Amino acid sequence: MLTRYAALSFAITPNAQGEIQLTPAGVFRGRDGRPVEVDGFRMDAVSAAKVAALAAARKTPFVIDYEHQTLASEKNGQPAPAAGWFKALEWREGSGLYATDVEWTAKARAHIDAGEYKFISPVFSYHPKTGEVLRMHMAALTNNPALDGMDAVAALATEFFTRSQEPTIKEDRPMKAIAILLGLADDASEAEITTALAALKAKTGEQDTTIAALKTQSPDPAKYVPIETVTQLQTDLAALSTRLNDGELDSVIEGALDAGKLLPAMESWARELGKSNLAALKTYIEKTPAIAALKGTQTGGRGPAGAGGAIDDATNTAVMKALGQTPEQFATGKIKED
């Protein structure tokens, strides 16, 4: 896309020398039939906002000269004195785009007051496919409202701004790249790109709002417990369970010893089994008959002192049967006699 340039003429507003009209509102054409490649130049509130934003971003104001001499000075060698300056642009619905802070030179003001200049001719760039006004460049005092010879002015503007130092004028390639990134056609208009960017910005704003809301949410202390508390509770429960199991195991083993269902020599085995599987130990003790010789004795099944400490054969046989062992197994694991 090659940006095109145009120059038109509008009457200077009487009694309002601090402002000038730069474009009308809507679709408009020059009296000489321009533009020829599109239906007309276009200016609306959206376009005006972008043009005004670009103007506000400039470091220097726009010049108003006499008869576009700034564009022609290089060719005709004549000076190009300023008639005035402006920077602030304002859109007026139904009327058009205005410069509202015009500073006229004393000489230009005298010309206007004397009626020697009655028209203003702005120079702007526009989209060659849509006619949308893209940027304001300058303006001139003129007495040529019929636009005669404005084709020459437009040609001078094209040559002047193409080699100017304003890199933002050459925006075709960046705009094309932006359009492609947004999923638009590579020749999308600036208005289409602006709309797509606005939609993307709105979507990003919604996501930012959601993230911010999640960050500000705090857990309900009535529903959640700190992890440190849960960990300590688990440790305490495990310790309590161990104490309870140990206490129950002591009770089971002591009861079995008193009832004559366990030999004192079997206590270590019974404790190991009870720690790993208390239920299995209980089942064993329940099914094991009491050994009468051990029940209620004060020596725990051992012979009285001085009697050799032997246990009679009947007792050994009863224990062997209670343990479900063969004589060989019992003989290997039974208590050695003193």
C-alpha atoms as a PDB file:
ATOM      1  CA  MET A   1       0.000   0.000   0.000  1.00  0.00           C
ATOM      2  CA  LEU A   2       1.368   3.410  -1.020  1.00  0.00           C
ATOM      3  CA  THR A   3       0.025   6.267   1.058  1.00  0.00           C
ATOM      4  CA  ARG A   4      -1.558   9.023  -1.074  1.00  0.00           C
ATOM      5  CA  TYR A   5      -1.642  12.763  -0.366  1.00  0.00           C
ATOM      6  CA  ALA A   6      -4.316  15.372  -1.021  1.00  0.00           C
ATOM      7  CA  ALA A   7      -4.790  19.117  -0.643  1.00  0.00           C
ATOM      8  CA  LEU A   8      -8.240  20.742  -0.339  1.00  0.00           C
ATOM      9  CA  SER A   9      -9.551  24.196   0.518  1.00  0.00           C
ATOM     10  CA  PHE A  10     -11.981  25.390   3.214  1.00  0.00           C
ATOM     11  CA  ALA A  11     -13.115  28.864   4.139  1.00  0.00           C
ATOM     12  CA  ILE A  12     -11.555  30.390   7.226  1.00  0.00           C
ATOM     13  CA  THR A  13     -14.250  30.620   9.917  1.00  0.00           C
ATOM     14  CA  PRO A  14     -15.180  34.290  10.469  1.00  0.00           C
ATOM     15  CA  ASN A  15     -14.581  35.676  13.963  1.00  0.00           C
ATOM     16  CA  ALA A  16     -12.747  32.502  14.998  1.00  0.00           C
ATOM     17  CA  GLN A  17      -9.179  33.136  14.040  1.00  0.00           C
ATOM     18  CA  GLY A  18      -7.895  30.617  16.617  1.00  0.00           C
ATOM     19  CA  GLU A  19      -9.421  27.684  14.769  1.00  0.00           C
ATOM     20  CA  ILE A  20      -9.649  26.374  11.209  1.00  0.00           C
ATOM     21  CA  GLN A  21     -11.569  23.526   9.567  1.00  0.00           C
ATOM     22  CA  LEU A  22      -9.303  20.864   8.094  1.00  0.00           C
ATOM     23  CA  THR A  23     -11.828  18.294   6.761  1.00  0.00           C
ATOM     24  CA  PRO A  24     -15.601  17.911   6.591  1.00  0.00           C
ATOM     25  CA  ALA A  25     -17.366  14.935   8.202  1.00  0.00           C
ATOM     26  CA  GLY A  26     -18.208  11.749   6.336  1.00  0.00           C
ATOM     27  CA  VAL A  27     -17.300  11.055   2.684  1.00  0.00           C
ATOM     28  CA  PHE A  28     -16.130  14.063   0.668  1.00  0.00           C
ATOM     29  CA  ARG A  29     -14.436  14.853  -2.617  1.00  0.00           C
ATOM     30  CA  GLY A  30     -12.508  17.712  -4.140  1.00  0.00           C
ATOM     31  CA  ARG A  31     -14.190  19.947  -6.689  1.00  0.00           C
ATOM     32  CA  ASP A  32     -11.729  18.716  -9.257  1.00  0.00           C
ATOM     33  CA  GLY A  33     -13.042  15.144  -8.891  1.00  0.00           C
ATOM     34  CA  ARG A  34     -10.351  13.767  -6.636  1.00  0.00           C
ATOM     35  CA  PRO A  35      -9.817  11.136  -5.419  1.00  0.00           C
ATOM     36  CA  VAL A  36     -10.147   9.031  -8.529  1.00  0.00           C
ATOM     37  CA  GLU A  37      -9.106   5.649  -7.096  1.00  0.00           C
ATOM     38  CA  VAL A  38     -11.793   5.511  -4.375  1.00  0.00           C
ATOM     39  CA  ASP A  39     -15.345   6.811  -3.860  1.00  0.00           C
ATOM     40  CA  GLY A  40     -14.100   9.691  -1.743  1.00  0.00           C
ATOM     41  CA  PHE A  41     -12.065  10.773   1.238  1.00  0.00           C
ATOM     42  CA  ARG A  42     -13.463   9.489   4.530  1.00  0.00           C
ATOM     43  CA  MET A  43     -13.343  11.056   7.972  1.00  0.00           C
ATOM     44  CA  ASP A  44     -15.369   9.958  10.991  1.00  0.00           C
ATOM     45  CA  ALA A  45     -14.968   9.955  14.758  1.00  0.00           C
ATOM     46  CA  VAL A  46     -12.739   6.852  14.768  1.00  0.00           C
ATOM     47  CA  SER A  47     -10.436   8.155  12.037  1.00  0.00           C
ATOM     48  CA  ALA A  48     -10.349  11.598  13.657  1.00  0.00           C
ATOM     49  CA  ALA A  49      -9.300  10.083  16.984  1.00  0.00           C
ATOM     50  CA  LYS A  50      -6.320   8.348  15.368  1.00  0.00           C
ATOM     51  CA  VAL A  51      -5.314  11.447  13.396  1.00  0.00           C
ATOM     52  CA  ALA A  52      -5.576  13.560  16.569  1.00  0.00           C
ATOM     53  CA  ALA A  53      -3.490  11.034  18.530  1.00  0.00           C
ATOM     54  CA  LEU A  54      -0.734  11.152  15.911  1.00  0.00           C
ATOM     55  CA  ALA A  55      -0.814  14.950  16.018  1.00  0.00           C
ATOM     56  CA  ALA A  56      -0.550  14.984  19.810  1.00  0.00           C
ATOM     57  CA  ALA A  57       2.466  12.652  19.636  1.00  0.00           C
ATOM     58  CA  ARG A  58       4.405  15.115  17.468  1.00  0.00           C
ATOM     59  CA  LYS A  59       7.145  17.150  19.091  1.00  0.00           C
ATOM     60  CA  THR A  60       6.650  20.115  16.755  1.00  0.00           C
ATOM     61  CA  PRO A  61       3.443  21.843  15.636  1.00  0.00           C
ATOM     62  CA  PHE A  62       2.098  21.782  12.076  1.00  0.00           C
ATOM     63  CA  VAL A  63       3.015  24.733   9.880  1.00  0.00           C
ATOM     64  CA  ILE A  64       0.536  26.912   7.998  1.00  0.00           C
ATOM     65  CA  ASP A  65       2.308  28.642   5.130  1.00  0.00           C
ATOM     66  CA  TYR A  66       1.265  30.689   2.097  1.00  0.00           C
ATOM     67  CA  GLU A  67       0.101  28.852  -1.032  1.00  0.00           C
ATOM     68  CA  HIS A  68       1.981  25.637  -0.043  1.00  0.00           C
ATOM     69  CA  GLN A  69       5.326  27.348  -0.577  1.00  0.00           C
ATOM     70  CA  THR A  70       6.950  24.916   1.881  1.00  0.00           C
ATOM     71  CA  LEU A  71       6.373  22.150  -0.661  1.00  0.00           C
ATOM     72  CA  ALA A  72       7.510  24.208  -3.634  1.00  0.00           C
ATOM     73  CA  SER A  73      10.459  26.129  -2.191  1.00  0.00           C
ATOM     74  CA  GLU A  74      13.056  23.571  -3.243  1.00  0.00           C
ATOM     75  CA  LYS A  75      11.980  23.827  -6.861  1.00  0.00           C
ATOM     76  CA  ASN A  76      11.308  27.555  -7.138  1.00  0.00           C
ATOM     77  CA  GLY A  77      13.980  28.736  -4.715  1.00  0.00           C
ATOM     78  CA  GLN A  78      11.626  31.120  -2.926  1.00  0.00           C
ATOM     79  CA  PRO A  79      11.387  31.377   0.887  1.00  0.00           C
ATOM     80  CA  ALA A  80       8.510  29.689   2.690  1.00  0.00           C
ATOM     81  CA  PRO A  81       7.563  31.915   5.653  1.00  0.00           C
ATOM     82  CA  ALA A  82       5.071  30.582   8.174  1.00  0.00           C
ATOM     83  CA  ALA A  83       1.650  32.148   8.435  1.00  0.00           C
ATOM     84  CA  GLY A  84       0.808  30.236  11.583  1.00  0.00           C
ATOM     85  CA  TRP A  85       1.078  27.024  13.602  1.00  0.00           C
ATOM     86  CA  PHE A  86      -1.314  24.463  15.100  1.00  0.00           C
ATOM     87  CA  LYS A  87      -1.173  21.133  16.968  1.00  0.00           C
ATOM     88  CA  ALA A  88      -4.454  20.388  18.760  1.00  0.00           C
ATOM     89  CA  LEU A  89      -7.102  18.655  16.626  1.00  0.00           C
ATOM     90  CA  GLU A  90     -10.770  18.279  17.574  1.00  0.00           C
ATOM     91  CA  TRP A  91     -13.547  16.216  15.995  1.00  0.00           C
ATOM     92  CA  ARG A  92     -16.975  17.825  15.793  1.00  0.00           C
ATOM     93  CA  GLU A  93     -19.678  15.347  14.925  1.00  0.00           C
ATOM     94  CA  GLY A  94     -21.551  16.318  11.797  1.00  0.00           C
ATOM     95  CA  SER A  95     -19.101  19.088  11.014  1.00  0.00           C
ATOM     96  CA  GLY A  96     -15.580  17.711  10.658  1.00  0.00           C
ATOM     97  CA  LEU A  97     -12.013  17.919  11.952  1.00  0.00           C
ATOM     98  CA  TYR A  98     -10.751  21.243  13.291  1.00  0.00           C
ATOM     99  CA  ALA A  99      -7.477  22.692  14.482  1.00  0.00           C
ATOM    100  CA  THR A 100      -8.360  24.621  17.627  1.00  0.00           C
ATOM    101  CA  ASP A 101      -5.106  26.212  18.770  1.00  0.00           C
ATOM    102  CA  VAL A 102      -3.978  28.119  15.687  1.00  0.00           C
ATOM    103  CA  GLU A 103      -1.316  30.750  16.354  1.00  0.00           C
ATOM    104  CA  TRP A 104      -1.252  33.194  13.442  1.00  0.00           C
ATOM    105  CA  THR A 105       1.687  35.450  12.783  1.00  0.00           C
ATOM    106  CA  ALA A 106       0.948  39.172  12.948  1.00  0.00           C
ATOM    107  CA  LYS A 107       1.368  39.428   9.183  1.00  0.00           C
ATOM    108  CA  ALA A 108      -0.989  36.521   8.489  1.00  0.00           C
ATOM    109  CA  ARG A 109      -3.583  37.895  10.907  1.00  0.00           C
ATOM    110  CA  ALA A 110      -3.439  41.230   9.085  1.00  0.00           C
ATOM    111  CA  HIS A 111      -3.950  39.474   5.726  1.00  0.00           C
ATOM    112  CA  ILE A 112      -6.963  37.602   7.116  1.00  0.00           C
ATOM    113  CA  ASP A 113      -8.465  40.680   8.769  1.00  0.00           C
ATOM    114  CA  ALA A 114      -8.047  42.604   5.515  1.00  0.00           C
ATOM    115  CA  GLY A 115      -9.733  39.784   3.572  1.00  0.00           C
ATOM    116  CA  GLU A 116      -6.583  39.154   1.557  1.00  0.00           C
ATOM    117  CA  TYR A 117      -6.692  35.430   2.414  1.00  0.00           C
ATOM    118  CA  LYS A 118     -10.011  33.667   2.958  1.00  0.00           C
ATOM    119  CA  PHE A 119      -9.319  29.961   2.553  1.00  0.00           C
ATOM    120  CA  ILE A 120      -7.284  27.281   4.271  1.00  0.00           C
ATOM    121  CA  SER A 121      -5.865  24.310   2.326  1.00  0.00           C
ATOM    122  CA  PRO A 122      -4.813  21.297   4.455  1.00  0.00           C
ATOM    123  CA  VAL A 123      -2.463  18.586   3.232  1.00  0.00           C
ATOM    124  CA  PHE A 124      -3.201  15.066   4.486  1.00  0.00           C
ATOM    125  CA  SER A 125      -2.410  11.441   3.616  1.00  0.00           C
ATOM    126  CA  TYR A 126      -5.125   8.877   2.955  1.00  0.00           C
ATOM    127  CA  HIS A 127      -5.587   5.161   2.313  1.00  0.00           C
ATOM    128  CA  PRO A 128      -5.665   4.447  -1.432  1.00  0.00           C
ATOM    129  CA  LYS A 129      -8.217   1.639  -1.066  1.00  0.00           C
ATOM    130  CA  THR A 130     -10.623   3.074   1.497  1.00  0.00           C
ATOM    131  CA  GLY A 131     -10.057   6.816   1.230  1.00  0.00           C
ATOM    132  CA  GLU A 132      -9.728   7.023   5.021  1.00  0.00           C
ATOM    133  CA  VAL A 133      -7.778  10.087   6.136  1.00  0.00           C
ATOM    134  CA  LEU A 134      -4.700   8.778   7.938  1.00  0.00           C
ATOM    135  CA  ARG A 135      -2.614  11.747   8.989  1.00  0.00           C
ATOM    136  CA  MET A 136      -2.511  15.548   8.867  1.00  0.00           C
ATOM    137  CA  HIS A 137       0.736  17.114   7.581  1.00  0.00           C
ATOM    138  CA  MET A 138       0.360  20.866   7.133  1.00  0.00           C
ATOM    139  CA  ALA A 139      -1.916  23.589   5.831  1.00  0.00           C
ATOM    140  CA  ALA A 140      -1.678  26.768   3.773  1.00  0.00           C
ATOM    141  CA  LEU A 141      -3.467  30.054   3.328  1.00  0.00           C
ATOM    142  CA  THR A 142      -4.809  30.206  -0.192  1.00  0.00           C
ATOM    143  CA  ASN A 143      -7.291  32.037  -2.386  1.00  0.00           C
ATOM    144  CA  ASN A 144      -7.896  29.046  -4.629  1.00  0.00           C
ATOM    145  CA  PRO A 145     -11.069  27.433  -3.244  1.00  0.00           C
ATOM    146  CA  ALA A 146     -11.931  25.742  -6.536  1.00  0.00           C
ATOM    147  CA  LEU A 147      -8.901  23.472  -6.113  1.00  0.00           C
ATOM    148  CA  ASP A 148      -7.459  24.453  -9.484  1.00  0.00           C
ATOM    149  CA  GLY A 149      -3.892  23.280  -9.596  1.00  0.00           C
ATOM    150  CA  MET A 150      -4.229  21.147  -6.460  1.00  0.00           C
ATOM    151  CA  ASP A 151      -3.010  18.083  -8.369  1.00  0.00           C
ATOM    152  CA  ALA A 152       0.364  19.781  -8.542  1.00  0.00           C
ATOM    153  CA  VAL A 153       0.263  20.471  -4.817  1.00  0.00           C
ATOM    154  CA  ALA A 154      -0.565  16.810  -4.107  1.00  0.00           C
ATOM    155  CA  ALA A 155       2.362  15.718  -6.278  1.00  0.00           C
ATOM    156  CA  LEU A 156       4.685  18.056  -4.421  1.00  0.00           C
ATOM    157  CA  ALA A 157       3.404  16.702  -1.089  1.00  0.00           C
ATOM    158  CA  THR A 158       4.066  13.115  -2.196  1.00  0.00           C
ATOM    159  CA  GLU A 159       7.619  13.953  -3.187  1.00  0.00           C
ATOM    160  CA  PHE A 160       8.230  16.038  -0.062  1.00  0.00           C
ATOM    161  CA  PHE A 161       6.957  13.547   2.527  1.00  0.00           C
ATOM    162  CA  THR A 162       8.343  10.446   0.829  1.00  0.00           C
ATOM    163  CA  ARG A 163      11.868  11.711   1.450  1.00  0.00           C
ATOM    164  CA  SER A 164      11.055  13.372   4.783  1.00  0.00           C
ATOM    165  CA  GLN A 165      12.583  12.366   8.071  1.00  0.00           C
ATOM    166  CA  GLU A 166       9.301  11.152   9.538  1.00  0.00           C
ATOM    167  CA  PRO A 167       9.722   7.349   9.551  1.00  0.00           C
ATOM    168  CA  THR A 168       6.191   6.860  10.820  1.00  0.00           C
ATOM    169  CA  ILE A 169       4.879   8.002   7.445  1.00  0.00           C
ATOM    170  CA  LYS A 170       6.234   4.829   5.871  1.00  0.00           C
ATOM    171  CA  GLU A 171       3.979   2.527   7.793  1.00  0.00           C
ATOM    172  CA  ASP A 172       2.941   0.058   5.080  1.00  0.00           C
ATOM    173  CA  ARG A 173       5.186  -2.833   6.065  1.00  0.00           C
ATOM    174  CA  PRO A 174       4.652  -2.578   9.848  1.00  0.00           C
ATOM    175  CA  MET A 175       0.888  -2.258   9.367  1.00  0.00           C
ATOM    176  CA  LYS A 176       0.898  -5.262   7.032  1.00  0.00           C
ATOM    177  CA  ALA A 177       2.818  -7.316   9.607  1.00  0.00           C
ATOM    178  CA  ILE A 178       0.435  -6.258  12.382  1.00  0.00           C
ATOM    179  CA  ALA A 179      -2.571  -7.175  10.229  1.00  0.00           C
ATOM    180  CA  ILE A 180      -1.174 -10.655   9.564  1.00  0.00           C
ATOM    181  CA  LEU A 181      -0.418 -11.211  13.266  1.00  0.00           C
ATOM    182  CA  LEU A 182      -4.011 -10.274  14.097  1.00  0.00           C
ATOM    183  CA  GLY A 183      -5.328 -12.778  11.551  1.00  0.00           C
ATOM    184  CA  LEU A 184      -6.493 -10.077   9.127  1.00  0.00           C
ATOM    185  CA  ALA A 185      -5.835  -9.677   5.415  1.00  0.00           C
ATOM    186  CA  ASP A 186      -2.458  -8.115   4.661  1.00  0.00           C
ATOM    187  CA  ASP A 187      -4.213  -5.132   3.065  1.00  0.00           C
ATOM    188  CA  ALA A 188      -6.570  -4.573   6.023  1.00  0.00           C
ATOM    189  CA  SER A 189      -7.437  -0.952   6.659  1.00  0.00           C
ATOM    190  CA  GLU A 190      -6.148   0.902   9.674  1.00  0.00           C
ATOM    191  CA  ALA A 191      -9.685   0.971  11.042  1.00  0.00           C
ATOM    192  CA  GLU A 192      -9.901  -2.827  10.853  1.00  0.00           C
ATOM    193  CA  ILE A 193      -6.538  -3.183  12.561  1.00  0.00           C
ATOM    194  CA  THR A 194      -7.564  -0.728  15.275  1.00  0.00           C
ATOM    195  CA  THR A 195     -10.795  -2.656  15.909  1.00  0.00           C
ATOM    196  CA  ALA A 196      -8.916  -5.964  16.146  1.00  0.00           C
ATOM    197  CA  LEU A 197      -6.365  -4.464  18.535  1.00  0.00           C
ATOM    198  CA  ALA A 198      -9.149  -3.052  20.704  1.00  0.00           C
ATOM    199  CA  ALA A 199     -10.804  -6.498  20.874  1.00  0.00           C
ATOM    200  CA  LEU A 200      -7.481  -8.101  21.795  1.00  0.00           C
ATOM    201  CA  LYS A 201      -6.865  -5.482  24.462  1.00  0.00           C
ATOM    202  CA  ALA A 202     -10.341  -6.053  25.910  1.00  0.00           C
ATOM    203  CA  LYS A 203      -9.761  -9.791  26.053  1.00  0.00           C
ATOM    204  CA  THR A 204      -6.393  -9.285  27.725  1.00  0.00           C
ATOM    205  CA  GLY A 205      -8.036  -6.949  30.222  1.00  0.00           C
ATOM    206  CA  GLU A 206     -10.614  -9.626  31.094  1.00  0.00           C
ATOM    207  CA  GLN A 207      -7.835 -12.152  31.706  1.00  0.00           C
ATOM    208  CA  ASP A 208      -5.924  -9.670  33.861  1.00  0.00           C
ATOM    209  CA  THR A 209      -9.076  -9.023  35.886  1.00  0.00           C
ATOM    210  CA  THR A 210      -9.613 -12.755  36.423  1.00  0.00           C
ATOM    211  CA  ILE A 211      -5.993 -13.279  37.500  1.00  0.00           C
ATOM    212  CA  ALA A 212      -6.171 -10.326  39.869  1.00  0.00           C
ATOM    213  CA  ALA A 213      -9.382 -11.678  41.401  1.00  0.00           C
ATOM    214  CA  LEU A 214      -7.788 -15.086  41.945  1.00  0.00           C
ATOM    215  CA  LYS A 215      -4.761 -13.477  43.567  1.00  0.00           C
ATOM    216  CA  THR A 216      -6.930 -11.550  46.025  1.00  0.00           C
ATOM    217  CA  GLN A 217      -9.001 -14.572  47.051  1.00  0.00           C
ATOM    218  CA  SER A 218      -8.019 -16.038  50.415  1.00  0.00           C
ATOM    219  CA  PRO A 219      -9.081 -19.444  51.772  1.00  0.00           C
ATOM    220  CA  ASP A 220     -11.892 -19.634  54.311  1.00  0.00           C
ATOM    221  CA  PRO A 221     -10.209 -20.511  57.634  1.00  0.00           C
ATOM    222  CA  ALA A 222     -13.385 -22.351  58.634  1.00  0.00           C
ATOM    223  CA  LYS A 223     -12.894 -24.788  55.727  1.00  0.00           C
ATOM    224  CA  TYR A 224      -9.125 -25.145  55.536  1.00  0.00           C
ATOM    225  CA  VAL A 225      -6.447 -26.063  58.102  1.00  0.00           C
ATOM    226  CA  PRO A 226      -2.772 -25.116  57.757  1.00  0.00           C
ATOM    227  CA  ILE A 227      -0.613 -27.972  56.477  1.00  0.00           C
ATOM    228  CA  GLU A 228       1.599 -27.700  59.576  1.00  0.00           C
ATOM    229  CA  THR A 229      -1.406 -28.455  61.783  1.00  0.00           C
ATOM    230  CA  VAL A 230      -2.393 -31.464  59.667  1.00  0.00           C
ATOM    231  CA  THR A 231       1.153 -32.847  59.771  1.00  0.00           C
ATOM    232  CA  GLN A 232       1.373 -32.468  63.558  1.00  0.00           C
ATOM    233  CA  LEU A 233      -2.041 -34.104  63.965  1.00  0.00           C
ATOM    234  CA  GLN A 234      -0.908 -37.074  61.870  1.00  0.00           C
ATOM    235  CA  THR A 235       2.232 -37.412  64.020  1.00  0.00           C
ATOM    236  CA  ASP A 236       0.212 -37.240  67.237  1.00  0.00           C
ATOM    237  CA  LEU A 237      -2.274 -39.833  65.982  1.00  0.00           C
ATOM    238  CA  ALA A 238       0.540 -42.174  64.996  1.00  0.00           C
ATOM    239  CA  ALA A 239       2.143 -41.822  68.436  1.00  0.00           C
ATOM    240  CA  LEU A 240      -1.186 -42.364  70.148  1.00  0.00           C
ATOM    241  CA  SER A 241      -1.890 -45.406  68.022  1.00  0.00           C
ATOM    242  CA  THR A 242       1.503 -46.840  68.935  1.00  0.00           C
ATOM    243  CA  ARG A 243       0.907 -46.284  72.646  1.00  0.00           C
ATOM    244  CA  LEU A 244      -2.526 -47.848  72.456  1.00  0.00           C
ATOM    245  CA  ASN A 245      -1.259 -50.839  70.496  1.00  0.00           C
ATOM    246  CA  ASP A 246       1.667 -51.309  72.877  1.00  0.00           C
ATOM    247  CA  GLY A 247      -0.637 -51.126  75.865  1.00  0.00           C
ATOM    248  CA  GLU A 248      -3.053 -53.609  74.348  1.00  0.00           C
ATOM    249  CA  LEU A 249      -0.191 -55.921  73.370  1.00  0.00           C
ATOM    250  CA  ASP A 250       1.135 -55.874  76.950  1.00  0.00           C
ATOM    251  CA  SER A 251      -2.314 -56.689  78.220  1.00  0.00           C
ATOM    252  CA  VAL A 252      -2.796 -59.575  75.766  1.00  0.00           C
ATOM    253  CA  ILE A 253       0.610 -61.105  76.493  1.00  0.00           C
ATOM    254  CA  GLU A 254       0.314 -60.719  80.274  1.00  0.00           C
ATOM    255  CA  GLY A 255      -3.146 -62.291  80.159  1.00  0.00           C
ATOM    256  CA  ALA A 256      -1.901 -65.187  78.060  1.00  0.00           C
ATOM    257  CA  LEU A 257       1.026 -65.778  80.427  1.00  0.00           C
ATOM    258  CA  ASP A 258      -1.275 -65.702  83.462  1.00  0.00           C
ATOM    259  CA  ALA A 259      -3.742 -68.010  81.712  1.00  0.00           C
ATOM    260  CA  GLY A 260      -1.018 -70.496  80.896  1.00  0.00           C
ATOM    261  CA  LYS A 261      -1.424 -70.066  77.141  1.00  0.00           C
ATOM    262  CA  LEU A 262       2.102 -68.747  76.618  1.00  0.00           C
ATOM    263  CA  LEU A 263       5.396 -69.925  77.955  1.00  0.00           C
ATOM    264  CA  PRO A 264       7.693 -67.220  79.320  1.00  0.00           C
ATOM    265  CA  ALA A 265      10.183 -68.250  76.624  1.00  0.00           C
ATOM    266  CA  MET A 266       7.544 -67.428  74.008  1.00  0.00           C
ATOM    267  CA  GLU A 267       7.090 -63.826  75.162  1.00  0.00           C
ATOM    268  CA  SER A 268       9.634 -62.314  72.747  1.00  0.00           C
ATOM    269  CA  TRP A 269       8.091 -64.203  69.836  1.00  0.00           C
ATOM    270  CA  ALA A 270       4.618 -63.142  70.898  1.00  0.00           C
ATOM    271  CA  ARG A 271       5.660 -59.470  71.091  1.00  0.00           C
ATOM    272  CA  GLU A 272       7.187 -59.529  67.597  1.00  0.00           C
ATOM    273  CA  LEU A 273       4.053 -61.120  66.184  1.00  0.00           C
ATOM    274  CA  GLY A 274       1.781 -58.731  68.074  1.00  0.00           C
ATOM    275  CA  LYS A 275       3.597 -55.624  66.826  1.00  0.00           C
ATOM    276  CA  SER A 276       3.221 -56.731  63.221  1.00  0.00           C
ATOM    277  CA  ASN A 277      -0.165 -58.452  63.480  1.00  0.00           C
ATOM    278  CA  LEU A 278      -1.959 -58.172  66.801  1.00  0.00           C
ATOM    279  CA  ALA A 279      -5.052 -59.870  65.424  1.00  0.00           C
ATOM    280  CA  ALA A 280      -3.038 -62.989  64.496  1.00  0.00           C
ATOM    281  CA  LEU A 281      -1.576 -63.171  67.998  1.00  0.00           C
ATOM    282  CA  LYS A 282      -5.030 -62.864  69.542  1.00  0.00           C
ATOM    283  CA  THR A 283      -6.318 -65.635  67.281  1.00  0.00           C
ATOM    284  CA  TYR A 284      -3.424 -67.877  68.265  1.00  0.00           C
ATOM    285  CA  ILE A 285      -3.996 -67.271  71.978  1.00  0.00           C
ATOM    286  CA  GLU A 286      -7.752 -67.850  71.652  1.00  0.00           C
ATOM    287  CA  LYS A 287      -7.204 -71.230  69.988  1.00  0.00           C
ATOM    288  CA  THR A 288      -4.389 -72.314  72.306  1.00  0.00           C
ATOM    289  CA  PRO A 289      -5.542 -74.348  75.315  1.00  0.00           C
ATOM    290  CA  ALA A 290      -4.274 -73.288  78.721  1.00  0.00           C
ATOM    291  CA  ILE A 291      -1.475 -75.387  80.175  1.00  0.00           C
ATOM    292  CA  ALA A 292      -2.616 -76.384  83.615  1.00  0.00           C
ATOM    293  CA  ALA A 293       0.908 -76.769  84.889  1.00  0.00           C
ATOM    294  CA  LEU A 294       1.638 -73.109  84.059  1.00  0.00           C
ATOM    295  CA  LYS A 295      -1.642 -71.556  85.134  1.00  0.00           C
ATOM    296  CA  GLY A 296      -1.329 -69.792  88.445  1.00  0.00           C
ATOM    297  CA  THR A 297       2.169 -71.034  89.256  1.00  0.00           C
ATOM    298  CA  GLN A 298       4.570 -68.676  90.891  1.00  0.00           C
ATOM    299  CA  THR A 299       7.564 -70.061  89.008  1.00  0.00           C
ATOM    300  CA  GLY A 300       6.117 -69.503  85.566  1.00  0.00           C
ATOM    301  CA  GLY A 301       6.283 -73.191  84.679  1.00  0.00           C
ATOM    302  CA  ARG A 302       9.747 -73.803  85.995  1.00  0.00           C
ATOM    303  CA  GLY A 303      10.491 -76.366  88.628  1.00  0.00           C
ATOM    304  CA  PRO A 304      11.114 -75.261  92.151  1.00  0.00           C
ATOM    305  CA  ALA A 305      14.599 -74.282  93.132  1.00  0.00           C
ATOM    306  CA  GLY A 306      16.754 -77.270  93.911  1.00  0.00           C
ATOM    307  CA  ALA A 307      14.550 -79.628  91.894  1.00  0.00           C
ATOM    308  CA  GLY A 308      16.687 -79.490  88.810  1.00  0.00           C
ATOM    309  CA  GLY A 309      14.375 -77.035  87.023  1.00  0.00           C
ATOM    310  CA  ALA A 310      12.977 -79.738  84.725  1.00  0.00           C
ATOM    311  CA  ILE A 311       9.505 -79.730  83.261  1.00  0.00           C
ATOM    312  CA  ASP A 312       7.732 -83.074  83.171  1.00  0.00           C
ATOM    313  CA  ASP A 313       6.911 -84.919  79.918  1.00  0.00           C
ATOM    314  CA  ALA A 314       3.175 -84.312  80.247  1.00  0.00           C
ATOM    315  CA  THR A 315       3.761 -80.568  80.282  1.00  0.00           C
ATOM    316  CA  ASN A 316       6.089 -80.716  77.261  1.00  0.00           C
ATOM    317  CA  THR A 317       3.557 -82.771  75.358  1.00  0.00           C
ATOM    318  CA  ALA A 318       0.790 -80.261  76.125  1.00  0.00           C
ATOM    319  CA  VAL A 319       2.918 -77.301  74.985  1.00  0.00           C
ATOM    320  CA  MET A 320       3.964 -79.136  71.813  1.00  0.00           C
ATOM    321  CA  LYS A 321       0.371 -79.830  70.931  1.00  0.00           C
ATOM    322  CA  ALA A 322      -0.627 -76.252  71.701  1.00  0.00           C
ATOM    323  CA  LEU A 323       2.047 -75.002  69.322  1.00  0.00           C
ATOM    324  CA  GLY A 324       1.091 -77.518  66.647  1.00  0.00           C
ATOM    325  CA  GLN A 325       4.648 -78.792  66.399  1.00  0.00           C
ATOM    326  CA  THR A 326       6.106 -82.191  65.746  1.00  0.00           C
ATOM    327  CA  PRO A 327       8.291 -83.725  68.442  1.00  0.00           C
ATOM    328  CA  GLU A 328      11.366 -82.945  66.339  1.00  0.00           C
ATOM    329  CA  GLN A 329      10.373 -79.268  65.935  1.00  0.00           C
ATOM    330  CA  PHE A 330       9.564 -78.962  69.600  1.00  0.00           C
ATOM    331  CA  ALA A 331      12.791 -80.648  70.615  1.00  0.00           C
ATOM    332  CA  THR A 332      14.754 -78.133  68.557  1.00  0.00           C
ATOM    333  CA  GLY A 333      13.053 -75.018  69.910  1.00  0.00           C
ATOM    334  CA  LYS A 334      12.071 -75.979  73.461  1.00  0.00           C
ATOM    335  CA  ILE A 335      13.687 -74.463  76.522  1.00  0.00           C
ATOM    336  CA  LYS A 336      16.996 -75.973  77.472  1.00  0.00           C
ATOM    337  CA  GLU A 337      17.061 -77.457  80.915  1.00  0.00           C
ATOM    338  CA  ASP A 338      19.380 -75.867  83.444  1.00  0.00           C
END
